[in-house]
Amino acid sequence: MTPIDHIYDRAMELRHLRYLLAVAEHGSFTRAAEALHLSQPTLSHQVRQLERSLGVELLDRTGRRVRPTDAGEAYLRHARLALRELATAERAVQDVQDLSRGTLRLATTPTFSAYLTGPLVAAFHAAHPGIVLDVREVPQDRIEAELAEDALDLGIAFGGTHRPGIAAQPLFPEGLVLAVGPAHPLAGRREPLPAAELAGHPLALLSGGFATRRHLDAYAAENGLALAAAVEAASIAVIADLVAAGALASVLPDRAVRQYPDLSEVPTDPPLPTRTVVLLHRESAYRSAALRAFTAAALAHVPSGGDPAG
């Protein structure tokens, strides 16, 4: 038996890795023990056992906050990878090719809640009721970070420059449009509104955390506009209600606007940006049957709003 085999045989149980990671993440044996539902002495003993087996101190306990030593940092990098690969292996074992059961972790940017997430998830569930879907709404940068960390299987977001290791599958184009309600002075206008005149209309806009807002801000910068929001909100539904009820205009995804019969689109010159909706995944991730099936469903799905339905 080699020394490394000896270590794995005696002490390298998975709980030791998880306990060490918890202490490093919380910076405290007390808080880590609470999170793990262990007593602090038990947790401390288990970590000491791992350190004795390796023959090195992994944690610096001398300060107010427990920190990894240099050796601990090196060890933790590999421990995280090992646990990630184990989780992938467990999902592979649970993956049933006939899709009678399985799980899929999906995240979308909040923009898609207005027209895409519900219909797509509902259609997938109807076709594969045994697959448990964990669906969350988070900003695009967090989607990519969690994909890289294997905390997600798929993300629905926008194309562009992505972090290394993240692959994008194009789904369909989505345009931004100027939306107004029936009482707005621009309602019914068919002649394109010059971009310079946008600043003269009070706007209700999505907050800065939305990709839609960032795309609008880029458009404004390209056209030398100083756009100021009279109202900011973190919900397309709230923005749509405000625009429908009053004299505010907004810039929203075209497909979302078409879900609200009281809203109408006003053309602009130059046109507002069009972006590509994409399905994101980690390049090296295990592609389960559930992931492959959802990818096929997303590629076949074209949201309503003037385009043929998938």
C-alpha atoms as a PDB file:
ATOM      1  CA  MET A   1       0.000   0.000   0.000  1.00  0.00           C
ATOM      2  CA  THR A   2       1.411   3.371  -1.012  1.00  0.00           C
ATOM      3  CA  PRO A   3       1.423   6.311   1.417  1.00  0.00           C
ATOM      4  CA  ILE A   4      -1.405   7.976  -0.493  1.00  0.00           C
ATOM      5  CA  ASP A   5      -3.449   4.744  -0.412  1.00  0.00           C
ATOM      6  CA  HIS A   6      -2.835   4.629   3.312  1.00  0.00           C
ATOM      7  CA  ILE A   7      -4.191   8.141   3.708  1.00  0.00           C
ATOM      8  CA  TYR A   8      -7.307   7.381   1.711  1.00  0.00           C
ATOM      9  CA  ASP A   9      -7.818   4.104   3.585  1.00  0.00           C
ATOM     10  CA  ARG A  10      -7.619   5.609   7.053  1.00  0.00           C
ATOM     11  CA  ALA A  11      -8.720   9.194   6.933  1.00  0.00           C
ATOM     12  CA  MET A  12      -9.735  10.472   3.526  1.00  0.00           C
ATOM     13  CA  GLU A  13     -13.458  10.107   4.033  1.00  0.00           C
ATOM     14  CA  LEU A  14     -15.714  12.539   2.288  1.00  0.00           C
ATOM     15  CA  ARG A  15     -16.890  14.069   5.514  1.00  0.00           C
ATOM     16  CA  HIS A  16     -13.353  15.265   6.244  1.00  0.00           C
ATOM     17  CA  LEU A  17     -13.285  17.201   2.987  1.00  0.00           C
ATOM     18  CA  ARG A  18     -16.717  18.698   3.610  1.00  0.00           C
ATOM     19  CA  TYR A  19     -15.828  19.631   7.173  1.00  0.00           C
ATOM     20  CA  LEU A  20     -12.588  21.325   6.100  1.00  0.00           C
ATOM     21  CA  LEU A  21     -14.385  23.249   3.358  1.00  0.00           C
ATOM     22  CA  ALA A  22     -17.064  24.391   5.779  1.00  0.00           C
ATOM     23  CA  VAL A  23     -14.517  25.757   8.258  1.00  0.00           C
ATOM     24  CA  ALA A  24     -12.606  27.533   5.480  1.00  0.00           C
ATOM     25  CA  GLU A  25     -15.803  29.067   4.072  1.00  0.00           C
ATOM     26  CA  HIS A  26     -17.175  30.213   7.440  1.00  0.00           C
ATOM     27  CA  GLY A  27     -13.804  31.241   8.904  1.00  0.00           C
ATOM     28  CA  SER A  28     -14.893  29.769  12.216  1.00  0.00           C
ATOM     29  CA  PHE A  29     -15.236  26.323  13.755  1.00  0.00           C
ATOM     30  CA  THR A  30     -18.295  27.512  15.688  1.00  0.00           C
ATOM     31  CA  ARG A  31     -20.203  28.805  12.676  1.00  0.00           C
ATOM     32  CA  ALA A  32     -19.163  25.829  10.545  1.00  0.00           C
ATOM     33  CA  ALA A  33     -20.327  23.421  13.252  1.00  0.00           C
ATOM     34  CA  GLU A  34     -23.698  25.179  13.405  1.00  0.00           C
ATOM     35  CA  ALA A  35     -24.074  24.933   9.637  1.00  0.00           C
ATOM     36  CA  LEU A  36     -23.134  21.250   9.686  1.00  0.00           C
ATOM     37  CA  HIS A  37     -25.302  20.492  12.754  1.00  0.00           C
ATOM     38  CA  LEU A  38     -22.287  19.165  14.637  1.00  0.00           C
ATOM     39  CA  SER A  39     -20.758  20.008  17.960  1.00  0.00           C
ATOM     40  CA  GLN A  40     -17.719  22.260  17.749  1.00  0.00           C
ATOM     41  CA  PRO A  41     -15.415  19.721  19.503  1.00  0.00           C
ATOM     42  CA  THR A  42     -16.471  16.983  17.061  1.00  0.00           C
ATOM     43  CA  LEU A  43     -15.751  19.178  14.075  1.00  0.00           C
ATOM     44  CA  SER A  44     -12.399  20.278  15.487  1.00  0.00           C
ATOM     45  CA  HIS A  45     -11.439  16.668  16.167  1.00  0.00           C
ATOM     46  CA  GLN A  46     -12.311  15.572  12.624  1.00  0.00           C
ATOM     47  CA  VAL A  47     -10.229  18.337  11.051  1.00  0.00           C
ATOM     48  CA  ARG A  48      -7.305  17.555  13.362  1.00  0.00           C
ATOM     49  CA  GLN A  49      -7.587  13.914  12.316  1.00  0.00           C
ATOM     50  CA  LEU A  50      -7.266  14.903   8.673  1.00  0.00           C
ATOM     51  CA  GLU A  51      -4.264  17.130   9.422  1.00  0.00           C
ATOM     52  CA  ARG A  52      -2.515  14.319  11.315  1.00  0.00           C
ATOM     53  CA  SER A  53      -3.076  11.936   8.416  1.00  0.00           C
ATOM     54  CA  LEU A  54      -1.566  14.435   5.978  1.00  0.00           C
ATOM     55  CA  GLY A  55       1.192  15.466   8.328  1.00  0.00           C
ATOM     56  CA  VAL A  56       0.582  19.191   7.867  1.00  0.00           C
ATOM     57  CA  GLU A  57      -1.531  21.969   9.353  1.00  0.00           C
ATOM     58  CA  LEU A  58      -4.262  23.009   6.954  1.00  0.00           C
ATOM     59  CA  LEU A  59      -5.783  25.805   9.033  1.00  0.00           C
ATOM     60  CA  ASP A  60      -4.280  28.780  10.847  1.00  0.00           C
ATOM     61  CA  ARG A  61      -6.162  29.041  14.134  1.00  0.00           C
ATOM     62  CA  THR A  62      -4.119  31.873  15.667  1.00  0.00           C
ATOM     63  CA  GLY A  63      -6.217  34.834  14.520  1.00  0.00           C
ATOM     64  CA  ARG A  64      -9.781  35.879  15.216  1.00  0.00           C
ATOM     65  CA  ARG A  65     -10.767  34.278  11.921  1.00  0.00           C
ATOM     66  CA  VAL A  66      -9.662  30.770  10.985  1.00  0.00           C
ATOM     67  CA  ARG A  67      -7.826  30.848   7.671  1.00  0.00           C
ATOM     68  CA  PRO A  68      -6.254  28.183   5.449  1.00  0.00           C
ATOM     69  CA  THR A  69      -2.476  27.885   5.590  1.00  0.00           C
ATOM     70  CA  ASP A  70      -0.526  27.829   2.334  1.00  0.00           C
ATOM     71  CA  ALA A  71      -0.751  24.044   2.404  1.00  0.00           C
ATOM     72  CA  GLY A  72      -4.430  24.330   3.218  1.00  0.00           C
ATOM     73  CA  GLU A  73      -5.090  26.584   0.223  1.00  0.00           C
ATOM     74  CA  ALA A  74      -3.414  24.079  -2.077  1.00  0.00           C
ATOM     75  CA  TYR A  75      -5.305  21.196  -0.531  1.00  0.00           C
ATOM     76  CA  LEU A  76      -8.659  22.997  -0.662  1.00  0.00           C
ATOM     77  CA  ARG A  77      -8.347  23.618  -4.396  1.00  0.00           C
ATOM     78  CA  HIS A  78      -8.148  19.889  -5.006  1.00  0.00           C
ATOM     79  CA  ALA A  79     -10.768  19.064  -2.378  1.00  0.00           C
ATOM     80  CA  ARG A  80     -13.294  21.332  -4.108  1.00  0.00           C
ATOM     81  CA  LEU A  81     -12.562  19.681  -7.440  1.00  0.00           C
ATOM     82  CA  ALA A  82     -12.896  16.227  -5.914  1.00  0.00           C
ATOM     83  CA  LEU A  83     -16.278  17.005  -4.365  1.00  0.00           C
ATOM     84  CA  ARG A  84     -17.476  18.605  -7.593  1.00  0.00           C
ATOM     85  CA  GLU A  85     -16.519  15.529  -9.597  1.00  0.00           C
ATOM     86  CA  LEU A  86     -18.152  13.273  -7.024  1.00  0.00           C
ATOM     87  CA  ALA A  87     -21.392  15.258  -7.270  1.00  0.00           C
ATOM     88  CA  THR A  88     -21.232  14.881 -11.049  1.00  0.00           C
ATOM     89  CA  ALA A  89     -20.697  11.138 -10.666  1.00  0.00           C
ATOM     90  CA  GLU A  90     -23.680  10.871  -8.337  1.00  0.00           C
ATOM     91  CA  ARG A  91     -25.885  12.692 -10.822  1.00  0.00           C
ATOM     92  CA  ALA A  92     -24.645  10.404 -13.580  1.00  0.00           C
ATOM     93  CA  VAL A  93     -25.601   7.349 -11.548  1.00  0.00           C
ATOM     94  CA  GLN A  94     -29.056   8.793 -10.889  1.00  0.00           C
ATOM     95  CA  ASP A  95     -29.521   9.797 -14.517  1.00  0.00           C
ATOM     96  CA  VAL A  96     -32.044   7.511 -16.184  1.00  0.00           C
ATOM     97  CA  GLN A  97     -31.952   7.566 -19.965  1.00  0.00           C
ATOM     98  CA  ASP A  98     -35.707   7.118 -20.350  1.00  0.00           C
ATOM     99  CA  LEU A  99     -36.199  10.359 -18.346  1.00  0.00           C
ATOM    100  CA  SER A 100     -38.476   8.667 -15.825  1.00  0.00           C
ATOM    101  CA  ARG A 101     -36.553  10.504 -13.123  1.00  0.00           C
ATOM    102  CA  GLY A 102     -33.706  12.976 -12.719  1.00  0.00           C
ATOM    103  CA  THR A 103     -32.985  16.555 -11.765  1.00  0.00           C
ATOM    104  CA  LEU A 104     -32.054  19.710 -13.629  1.00  0.00           C
ATOM    105  CA  ARG A 105     -30.784  22.959 -12.122  1.00  0.00           C
ATOM    106  CA  LEU A 106     -31.814  25.883 -14.305  1.00  0.00           C
ATOM    107  CA  ALA A 107     -31.340  29.631 -13.904  1.00  0.00           C
ATOM    108  CA  THR A 108     -32.691  32.444 -16.053  1.00  0.00           C
ATOM    109  CA  THR A 109     -32.251  36.183 -16.019  1.00  0.00           C
ATOM    110  CA  PRO A 110     -35.365  37.955 -14.641  1.00  0.00           C
ATOM    111  CA  THR A 111     -36.208  39.336 -18.098  1.00  0.00           C
ATOM    112  CA  PHE A 112     -37.530  35.964 -19.235  1.00  0.00           C
ATOM    113  CA  SER A 113     -40.127  35.648 -16.486  1.00  0.00           C
ATOM    114  CA  ALA A 114     -42.478  37.817 -18.564  1.00  0.00           C
ATOM    115  CA  TYR A 115     -42.817  35.462 -21.511  1.00  0.00           C
ATOM    116  CA  LEU A 116     -40.417  32.498 -21.652  1.00  0.00           C
ATOM    117  CA  THR A 117     -39.669  30.718 -18.379  1.00  0.00           C
ATOM    118  CA  GLY A 118     -43.221  29.694 -17.514  1.00  0.00           C
ATOM    119  CA  PRO A 119     -44.294  28.296 -20.899  1.00  0.00           C
ATOM    120  CA  LEU A 120     -40.978  26.529 -21.520  1.00  0.00           C
ATOM    121  CA  VAL A 121     -40.777  24.933 -18.074  1.00  0.00           C
ATOM    122  CA  ALA A 122     -44.469  23.957 -18.188  1.00  0.00           C
ATOM    123  CA  ALA A 123     -44.041  22.278 -21.576  1.00  0.00           C
ATOM    124  CA  PHE A 124     -40.941  20.413 -20.405  1.00  0.00           C
ATOM    125  CA  HIS A 125     -42.676  19.242 -17.223  1.00  0.00           C
ATOM    126  CA  ALA A 126     -45.688  18.031 -19.201  1.00  0.00           C
ATOM    127  CA  ALA A 127     -43.385  15.961 -21.424  1.00  0.00           C
ATOM    128  CA  HIS A 128     -41.124  14.714 -18.605  1.00  0.00           C
ATOM    129  CA  PRO A 129     -43.022  14.809 -15.271  1.00  0.00           C
ATOM    130  CA  GLY A 130     -40.408  12.651 -13.549  1.00  0.00           C
ATOM    131  CA  ILE A 131     -37.694  15.289 -13.910  1.00  0.00           C
ATOM    132  CA  VAL A 132     -37.426  17.628 -10.940  1.00  0.00           C
ATOM    133  CA  LEU A 133     -36.647  21.159 -12.108  1.00  0.00           C
ATOM    134  CA  ASP A 134     -34.928  23.612  -9.770  1.00  0.00           C
ATOM    135  CA  VAL A 135     -35.572  26.987 -11.439  1.00  0.00           C
ATOM    136  CA  ARG A 136     -34.152  30.287 -10.183  1.00  0.00           C
ATOM    137  CA  GLU A 137     -33.930  33.866 -11.418  1.00  0.00           C
ATOM    138  CA  VAL A 138     -30.493  35.466 -11.035  1.00  0.00           C
ATOM    139  CA  PRO A 139     -28.421  38.071 -12.918  1.00  0.00           C
ATOM    140  CA  GLN A 140     -26.393  36.821 -15.877  1.00  0.00           C
ATOM    141  CA  ASP A 141     -23.003  37.232 -14.189  1.00  0.00           C
ATOM    142  CA  ARG A 142     -24.161  34.978 -11.344  1.00  0.00           C
ATOM    143  CA  ILE A 143     -25.491  32.408 -13.812  1.00  0.00           C
ATOM    144  CA  GLU A 144     -22.071  32.137 -15.418  1.00  0.00           C
ATOM    145  CA  ALA A 145     -20.270  32.018 -12.066  1.00  0.00           C
ATOM    146  CA  GLU A 146     -22.537  29.243 -10.768  1.00  0.00           C
ATOM    147  CA  LEU A 147     -22.202  27.270 -13.993  1.00  0.00           C
ATOM    148  CA  ALA A 148     -18.419  27.474 -13.640  1.00  0.00           C
ATOM    149  CA  GLU A 149     -18.702  26.212 -10.054  1.00  0.00           C
ATOM    150  CA  ASP A 150     -21.061  23.388 -11.112  1.00  0.00           C
ATOM    151  CA  ALA A 151     -23.852  24.851  -8.989  1.00  0.00           C
ATOM    152  CA  LEU A 152     -26.087  24.966 -12.102  1.00  0.00           C
ATOM    153  CA  ASP A 153     -26.652  22.752 -15.128  1.00  0.00           C
ATOM    154  CA  LEU A 154     -28.088  25.307 -17.562  1.00  0.00           C
ATOM    155  CA  GLY A 155     -28.724  29.024 -17.825  1.00  0.00           C
ATOM    156  CA  ILE A 156     -30.901  31.091 -20.141  1.00  0.00           C
ATOM    157  CA  ALA A 157     -29.357  34.491 -20.753  1.00  0.00           C
ATOM    158  CA  PHE A 158     -27.967  36.647 -23.579  1.00  0.00           C
ATOM    159  CA  GLY A 159     -25.145  36.089 -26.014  1.00  0.00           C
ATOM    160  CA  GLY A 160     -21.936  38.084 -25.925  1.00  0.00           C
ATOM    161  CA  THR A 161     -18.579  37.608 -24.270  1.00  0.00           C
ATOM    162  CA  HIS A 162     -18.742  34.836 -21.692  1.00  0.00           C
ATOM    163  CA  ARG A 163     -16.324  33.755 -19.010  1.00  0.00           C
ATOM    164  CA  PRO A 164     -13.833  30.991 -19.943  1.00  0.00           C
ATOM    165  CA  GLY A 165     -15.312  27.508 -19.916  1.00  0.00           C
ATOM    166  CA  ILE A 166     -18.893  28.676 -20.564  1.00  0.00           C
ATOM    167  CA  ALA A 167     -20.465  27.680 -23.884  1.00  0.00           C
ATOM    168  CA  ALA A 168     -23.501  29.347 -25.466  1.00  0.00           C
ATOM    169  CA  GLN A 169     -26.148  27.742 -27.679  1.00  0.00           C
ATOM    170  CA  PRO A 170     -28.180  30.373 -29.599  1.00  0.00           C
ATOM    171  CA  LEU A 171     -31.957  30.059 -29.187  1.00  0.00           C
ATOM    172  CA  PHE A 172     -33.668  33.045 -30.846  1.00  0.00           C
ATOM    173  CA  PRO A 173     -33.314  36.823 -31.340  1.00  0.00           C
ATOM    174  CA  GLU A 174     -34.969  39.296 -28.990  1.00  0.00           C
ATOM    175  CA  GLY A 175     -35.293  43.000 -29.721  1.00  0.00           C
ATOM    176  CA  LEU A 176     -35.778  45.961 -27.421  1.00  0.00           C
ATOM    177  CA  VAL A 177     -38.630  48.342 -28.220  1.00  0.00           C
ATOM    178  CA  LEU A 178     -40.017  51.622 -26.960  1.00  0.00           C
ATOM    179  CA  ALA A 179     -43.322  50.762 -25.273  1.00  0.00           C
ATOM    180  CA  VAL A 180     -46.149  53.171 -24.414  1.00  0.00           C
ATOM    181  CA  GLY A 181     -49.667  52.956 -23.045  1.00  0.00           C
ATOM    182  CA  PRO A 182     -52.900  54.117 -24.743  1.00  0.00           C
ATOM    183  CA  ALA A 183     -52.806  57.562 -23.075  1.00  0.00           C
ATOM    184  CA  HIS A 184     -49.203  58.347 -24.048  1.00  0.00           C
ATOM    185  CA  PRO A 185     -48.625  61.117 -26.650  1.00  0.00           C
ATOM    186  CA  LEU A 186     -46.634  58.659 -28.779  1.00  0.00           C
ATOM    187  CA  ALA A 187     -49.363  55.991 -28.822  1.00  0.00           C
ATOM    188  CA  GLY A 188     -50.199  55.045 -32.407  1.00  0.00           C
ATOM    189  CA  ARG A 189     -47.114  56.726 -33.874  1.00  0.00           C
ATOM    190  CA  ARG A 190     -45.771  54.838 -36.887  1.00  0.00           C
ATOM    191  CA  GLU A 191     -42.977  57.182 -37.925  1.00  0.00           C
ATOM    192  CA  PRO A 192     -39.694  56.290 -36.198  1.00  0.00           C
ATOM    193  CA  LEU A 193     -38.904  58.495 -33.223  1.00  0.00           C
ATOM    194  CA  PRO A 194     -35.397  59.997 -33.474  1.00  0.00           C
ATOM    195  CA  ALA A 195     -33.204  58.673 -30.705  1.00  0.00           C
ATOM    196  CA  ALA A 196     -32.435  62.236 -29.584  1.00  0.00           C
ATOM    197  CA  GLU A 197     -36.089  62.703 -28.628  1.00  0.00           C
ATOM    198  CA  LEU A 198     -36.097  59.761 -26.210  1.00  0.00           C
ATOM    199  CA  ALA A 199     -34.615  61.952 -23.493  1.00  0.00           C
ATOM    200  CA  GLY A 200     -37.656  64.204 -23.701  1.00  0.00           C
ATOM    201  CA  HIS A 201     -40.077  61.515 -22.527  1.00  0.00           C
ATOM    202  CA  PRO A 202     -40.332  60.352 -18.885  1.00  0.00           C
ATOM    203  CA  LEU A 203     -39.224  56.735 -18.712  1.00  0.00           C
ATOM    204  CA  ALA A 204     -39.967  53.831 -16.386  1.00  0.00           C
ATOM    205  CA  LEU A 205     -36.952  51.535 -16.684  1.00  0.00           C
ATOM    206  CA  LEU A 206     -35.706  48.274 -15.311  1.00  0.00           C
ATOM    207  CA  SER A 207     -32.995  48.686 -12.699  1.00  0.00           C
ATOM    208  CA  GLY A 208     -29.306  48.436 -13.471  1.00  0.00           C
ATOM    209  CA  GLY A 209     -29.014  44.762 -12.530  1.00  0.00           C
ATOM    210  CA  PHE A 210     -30.966  43.774 -15.630  1.00  0.00           C
ATOM    211  CA  ALA A 211     -29.182  42.961 -18.879  1.00  0.00           C
ATOM    212  CA  THR A 212     -31.967  44.900 -20.647  1.00  0.00           C
ATOM    213  CA  ARG A 213     -30.968  48.071 -18.809  1.00  0.00           C
ATOM    214  CA  ARG A 214     -27.299  47.586 -19.630  1.00  0.00           C
ATOM    215  CA  HIS A 215     -28.137  47.154 -23.318  1.00  0.00           C
ATOM    216  CA  LEU A 216     -30.246  50.332 -23.229  1.00  0.00           C
ATOM    217  CA  ASP A 217     -27.445  52.249 -21.494  1.00  0.00           C
ATOM    218  CA  ALA A 218     -25.013  51.088 -24.202  1.00  0.00           C
ATOM    219  CA  TYR A 219     -27.448  52.284 -26.896  1.00  0.00           C
ATOM    220  CA  ALA A 220     -27.757  55.649 -25.157  1.00  0.00           C
ATOM    221  CA  ALA A 221     -23.973  56.026 -24.957  1.00  0.00           C
ATOM    222  CA  GLU A 222     -23.561  55.148 -28.648  1.00  0.00           C
ATOM    223  CA  ASN A 223     -26.115  57.782 -29.608  1.00  0.00           C
ATOM    224  CA  GLY A 224     -24.965  60.486 -27.174  1.00  0.00           C
ATOM    225  CA  LEU A 225     -28.147  60.336 -25.093  1.00  0.00           C
ATOM    226  CA  ALA A 226     -28.525  61.171 -21.416  1.00  0.00           C
ATOM    227  CA  LEU A 227     -31.455  59.002 -20.387  1.00  0.00           C
ATOM    228  CA  ALA A 228     -32.779  59.416 -16.858  1.00  0.00           C
ATOM    229  CA  ALA A 229     -35.381  57.114 -15.336  1.00  0.00           C
ATOM    230  CA  ALA A 230     -38.379  58.756 -13.733  1.00  0.00           C
ATOM    231  CA  VAL A 231     -39.145  55.359 -12.159  1.00  0.00           C
ATOM    232  CA  GLU A 232     -36.939  52.297 -11.744  1.00  0.00           C
ATOM    233  CA  ALA A 233     -38.269  48.847 -10.865  1.00  0.00           C
ATOM    234  CA  ALA A 234     -36.971  45.279 -10.705  1.00  0.00           C
ATOM    235  CA  SER A 235     -39.994  43.746 -12.422  1.00  0.00           C
ATOM    236  CA  ILE A 236     -41.187  43.837 -16.021  1.00  0.00           C
ATOM    237  CA  ALA A 237     -44.756  43.345 -14.787  1.00  0.00           C
ATOM    238  CA  VAL A 238     -44.527  46.448 -12.570  1.00  0.00           C
ATOM    239  CA  ILE A 239     -43.041  48.499 -15.423  1.00  0.00           C
ATOM    240  CA  ALA A 240     -45.745  47.312 -17.824  1.00  0.00           C
ATOM    241  CA  ASP A 241     -48.518  48.264 -15.382  1.00  0.00           C
ATOM    242  CA  LEU A 242     -47.012  51.736 -14.884  1.00  0.00           C
ATOM    243  CA  VAL A 243     -46.705  52.335 -18.621  1.00  0.00           C
ATOM    244  CA  ALA A 244     -50.215  51.047 -19.356  1.00  0.00           C
ATOM    245  CA  ALA A 245     -51.771  53.240 -16.677  1.00  0.00           C
ATOM    246  CA  GLY A 246     -50.066  56.567 -17.259  1.00  0.00           C
ATOM    247  CA  ALA A 247     -47.878  58.835 -19.346  1.00  0.00           C
ATOM    248  CA  LEU A 248     -44.594  56.984 -18.826  1.00  0.00           C
ATOM    249  CA  ALA A 249     -42.798  55.152 -21.631  1.00  0.00           C
ATOM    250  CA  SER A 250     -40.364  52.298 -21.259  1.00  0.00           C
ATOM    251  CA  VAL A 251     -37.844  50.206 -23.161  1.00  0.00           C
ATOM    252  CA  LEU A 252     -38.642  46.508 -22.853  1.00  0.00           C
ATOM    253  CA  PRO A 253     -38.092  43.220 -24.730  1.00  0.00           C
ATOM    254  CA  ASP A 254     -40.394  43.068 -27.736  1.00  0.00           C
ATOM    255  CA  ARG A 255     -41.730  39.625 -26.832  1.00  0.00           C
ATOM    256  CA  ALA A 256     -42.550  40.775 -23.322  1.00  0.00           C
ATOM    257  CA  VAL A 257     -44.415  43.853 -24.585  1.00  0.00           C
ATOM    258  CA  ARG A 258     -46.613  41.634 -26.754  1.00  0.00           C
ATOM    259  CA  GLN A 259     -47.870  39.879 -23.632  1.00  0.00           C
ATOM    260  CA  TYR A 260     -49.597  43.107 -22.529  1.00  0.00           C
ATOM    261  CA  PRO A 261     -52.484  44.174 -24.815  1.00  0.00           C
ATOM    262  CA  ASP A 262     -52.533  47.721 -23.399  1.00  0.00           C
ATOM    263  CA  LEU A 263     -48.988  48.391 -24.545  1.00  0.00           C
ATOM    264  CA  SER A 264     -47.921  49.356 -28.056  1.00  0.00           C
ATOM    265  CA  GLU A 265     -44.528  49.649 -29.721  1.00  0.00           C
ATOM    266  CA  VAL A 266     -43.090  52.869 -31.130  1.00  0.00           C
ATOM    267  CA  PRO A 267     -40.296  52.549 -33.728  1.00  0.00           C
ATOM    268  CA  THR A 268     -37.066  54.429 -33.095  1.00  0.00           C
ATOM    269  CA  ASP A 269     -34.274  55.700 -35.327  1.00  0.00           C
ATOM    270  CA  PRO A 270     -31.807  54.112 -35.047  1.00  0.00           C
ATOM    271  CA  PRO A 271     -33.644  50.981 -33.883  1.00  0.00           C
ATOM    272  CA  LEU A 272     -33.110  49.847 -30.321  1.00  0.00           C
ATOM    273  CA  PRO A 273     -30.702  46.892 -29.868  1.00  0.00           C
ATOM    274  CA  THR A 274     -31.453  43.295 -30.748  1.00  0.00           C
ATOM    275  CA  ARG A 275     -29.697  40.594 -28.761  1.00  0.00           C
ATOM    276  CA  THR A 276     -29.564  36.801 -28.978  1.00  0.00           C
ATOM    277  CA  VAL A 277     -31.121  34.655 -26.278  1.00  0.00           C
ATOM    278  CA  VAL A 278     -28.785  31.758 -25.515  1.00  0.00           C
ATOM    279  CA  LEU A 279     -28.645  28.600 -23.474  1.00  0.00           C
ATOM    280  CA  LEU A 280     -25.476  28.545 -21.338  1.00  0.00           C
ATOM    281  CA  HIS A 281     -23.675  25.489 -19.987  1.00  0.00           C
ATOM    282  CA  ARG A 282     -20.251  24.559 -18.683  1.00  0.00           C
ATOM    283  CA  GLU A 283     -18.145  23.126 -21.501  1.00  0.00           C
ATOM    284  CA  SER A 284     -16.726  20.272 -19.445  1.00  0.00           C
ATOM    285  CA  ALA A 285     -19.945  19.446 -17.585  1.00  0.00           C
ATOM    286  CA  TYR A 286     -21.567  16.037 -17.712  1.00  0.00           C
ATOM    287  CA  ARG A 287     -24.548  16.259 -20.078  1.00  0.00           C
ATOM    288  CA  SER A 288     -27.307  14.259 -18.415  1.00  0.00           C
ATOM    289  CA  ALA A 289     -30.356  12.953 -20.250  1.00  0.00           C
ATOM    290  CA  ALA A 290     -32.432  15.655 -18.559  1.00  0.00           C
ATOM    291  CA  LEU A 291     -30.032  18.370 -19.721  1.00  0.00           C
ATOM    292  CA  ARG A 292     -30.060  17.061 -23.290  1.00  0.00           C
ATOM    293  CA  ALA A 293     -33.859  16.865 -23.297  1.00  0.00           C
ATOM    294  CA  PHE A 294     -34.256  20.412 -21.964  1.00  0.00           C
ATOM    295  CA  THR A 295     -31.764  21.711 -24.520  1.00  0.00           C
ATOM    296  CA  ALA A 296     -33.803  20.105 -27.312  1.00  0.00           C
ATOM    297  CA  ALA A 297     -37.025  21.562 -25.874  1.00  0.00           C
ATOM    298  CA  ALA A 298     -35.497  25.052 -25.641  1.00  0.00           C
ATOM    299  CA  LEU A 299     -34.178  24.892 -29.219  1.00  0.00           C
ATOM    300  CA  ALA A 300     -37.619  23.852 -30.464  1.00  0.00           C
ATOM    301  CA  HIS A 301     -39.420  26.550 -28.489  1.00  0.00           C
ATOM    302  CA  VAL A 302     -40.044  29.936 -30.053  1.00  0.00           C
ATOM    303  CA  PRO A 303     -41.974  32.274 -27.741  1.00  0.00           C
ATOM    304  CA  SER A 304     -45.207  33.770 -28.949  1.00  0.00           C
ATOM    305  CA  GLY A 305     -45.138  37.264 -30.396  1.00  0.00           C
ATOM    306  CA  GLY A 306     -45.298  37.089 -34.143  1.00  0.00           C
ATOM    307  CA  ASP A 307     -42.921  34.166 -34.669  1.00  0.00           C
ATOM    308  CA  PRO A 308     -43.912  30.570 -35.390  1.00  0.00           C
ATOM    309  CA  ALA A 309     -44.339  28.571 -32.206  1.00  0.00           C
ATOM    310  CA  GLY A 310     -42.001  25.704 -31.494  1.00  0.00           C
END
